[in-house]
Amino acid sequence: MDALTSKSPVIGDNVEIEVATVVVKDMPDNCIVAGNPAVIKRYINPK
């Protein structure tokens, strides 16, 4: 169960990264990302 980052993308607060995801760009706060390359699947409402 791995997730990889390429170079130095910035991962925001409260981000869920799914299994086998390759993050190649910055991800904003409060979202779920998945895929190769990573894409935002949905946003999360912070509590």
Protein backbone atom coordinates (compact mmCIF):
# COMPACT_ATOMS: atom_id res chain seq x y z
CA MET A 1 0.00 0.00 0.00
CA ASP A 2 2.09 2.84 -1.32
CA ALA A 3 1.54 6.41 -2.34
CA LEU A 4 4.32 8.27 -4.16
CA THR A 5 5.16 11.94 -4.60
CA SER A 6 7.15 13.36 -7.48
CA LYS A 7 9.70 16.11 -6.78
CA SER A 8 8.20 18.23 -3.96
CA PRO A 9 4.47 18.76 -4.32
CA VAL A 10 2.75 20.54 -1.44
CA ILE A 11 0.07 18.43 0.23
CA GLY A 12 -2.58 20.56 1.96
CA ASP A 13 -4.14 19.96 5.37
CA ASN A 14 -6.77 17.23 5.77
CA VAL A 15 -5.96 15.51 2.46
CA GLU A 16 -6.71 11.80 2.03
CA ILE A 17 -4.42 10.07 -0.48
CA GLU A 18 -5.71 6.71 -1.73
CA VAL A 19 -3.56 3.59 -2.12
CA ALA A 20 -1.20 3.47 -5.17
CA THR A 21 -1.62 7.20 -5.87
CA VAL A 22 1.18 9.15 -7.56
CA VAL A 23 1.09 12.83 -6.54
CA VAL A 24 2.84 15.04 -9.12
CA LYS A 25 1.37 18.47 -8.35
CA ASP A 26 0.22 20.49 -5.33
CA MET A 27 -2.99 19.36 -3.64
CA PRO A 28 -5.30 21.86 -1.87
CA ASP A 29 -6.71 21.47 1.64
CA ASN A 30 -9.70 19.23 2.43
CA CYS A 31 -9.83 16.82 -0.50
CA ILE A 32 -9.54 13.16 -1.46
CA VAL A 33 -7.08 12.33 -4.25
CA ALA A 34 -6.46 9.13 -6.18
CA GLY A 35 -4.94 7.86 -9.41
CA ASN A 36 -1.79 7.97 -11.48
CA PRO A 37 -1.31 10.89 -11.74
CA ALA A 38 -3.34 12.00 -8.73
CA VAL A 39 -6.59 13.85 -9.38
CA ILE A 40 -9.05 15.33 -6.91
CA LYS A 41 -11.99 12.95 -6.52
CA ARG A 42 -13.98 15.09 -4.10
CA TYR A 43 -13.72 17.80 -1.46
CA ILE A 44 -14.23 17.19 2.26
CA ASN A 45 -16.11 19.56 4.56
CA PRO A 46 -13.82 20.27 7.54
CA LYS A 47 -15.49 19.92 10.91
